[in-house]
Protein backbone atom coordinates (compact mmCIF):
# COMPACT_ATOMS: atom_id res chain seq x y z
CA MET A 1 178.08 -100.19 -122.71
CA ALA A 2 175.14 -97.53 -123.57
CA THR A 3 173.29 -97.75 -126.71
CA LYS A 4 172.99 -95.22 -129.38
CA GLU A 5 169.53 -94.28 -128.28
CA GLN A 6 171.13 -93.62 -124.70
CA TYR A 7 173.63 -91.48 -125.88
CA GLU A 8 171.20 -89.39 -128.06
CA ALA A 9 168.94 -88.92 -125.14
CA VAL A 10 171.70 -87.78 -122.86
CA LEU A 11 172.82 -85.27 -125.61
CA VAL A 12 169.20 -84.02 -126.16
CA LYS A 13 168.52 -83.71 -122.64
CA ALA A 14 171.93 -81.59 -122.06
CA GLU A 15 171.28 -79.35 -125.14
CA HIS A 16 167.70 -78.63 -124.06
CA ALA A 17 167.48 -78.50 -120.21
CA GLY A 18 171.22 -78.10 -119.44
CA LEU A 19 173.99 -79.98 -117.34
CA GLY A 20 172.17 -79.24 -114.08
CA SER A 21 169.44 -81.49 -115.15
CA LEU A 22 171.33 -84.51 -115.62
CA SER A 23 171.93 -87.28 -113.11
CA LYS A 24 175.24 -88.66 -112.21
CA GLN A 25 175.08 -91.58 -114.41
CA GLU A 26 174.09 -89.18 -117.12
CA LEU A 27 176.95 -87.05 -116.71
CA ASP A 28 179.25 -90.01 -116.84
CA LEU A 29 177.80 -90.91 -119.96
CA LEU A 30 178.19 -87.30 -121.43
CA MET A 31 181.83 -87.16 -120.47
CA ARG A 32 182.36 -90.61 -122.14
CA ILE A 33 180.71 -88.92 -125.31
CA TYR A 34 182.86 -85.99 -124.90
CA ARG A 35 186.01 -88.01 -125.47
CA GLU A 36 184.70 -89.43 -128.54
CA THR A 37 185.86 -88.36 -132.20
CA GLY A 38 183.33 -87.50 -134.70
CA SER A 39 179.79 -85.58 -134.64
CA ARG A 40 178.47 -86.85 -131.16
CA GLY A 41 181.65 -86.03 -129.51
CA ASN A 42 181.43 -82.41 -131.11
CA ARG A 43 178.06 -82.11 -129.93
CA ALA A 44 178.96 -83.24 -126.24
CA ARG A 45 182.01 -80.69 -126.31
CA ARG A 46 179.64 -77.93 -127.44
CA VAL A 47 177.22 -78.65 -124.47
CA VAL A 48 179.98 -78.93 -122.05
CA ASP A 49 182.07 -76.20 -123.16
CA GLY A 50 179.40 -73.78 -123.71
CA LYS A 51 179.82 -72.81 -127.36
C-alpha cells in the first residue's frame, strides 16, 4: 500500500514530465489512483486521458 506522499509524487511527476517518464511501478500506482473516486482520481484521469 502506498502512502499519500507517494501518490502525490507520482501525480506531480506525471503532470509535469508526462507518462513516458514514469517507471513501471509508478505507472501501476497511477492506474490504481485512476480507479479511485474523488479529486485524486480525477487528477489521474486528467493526466492519463489527456484532458
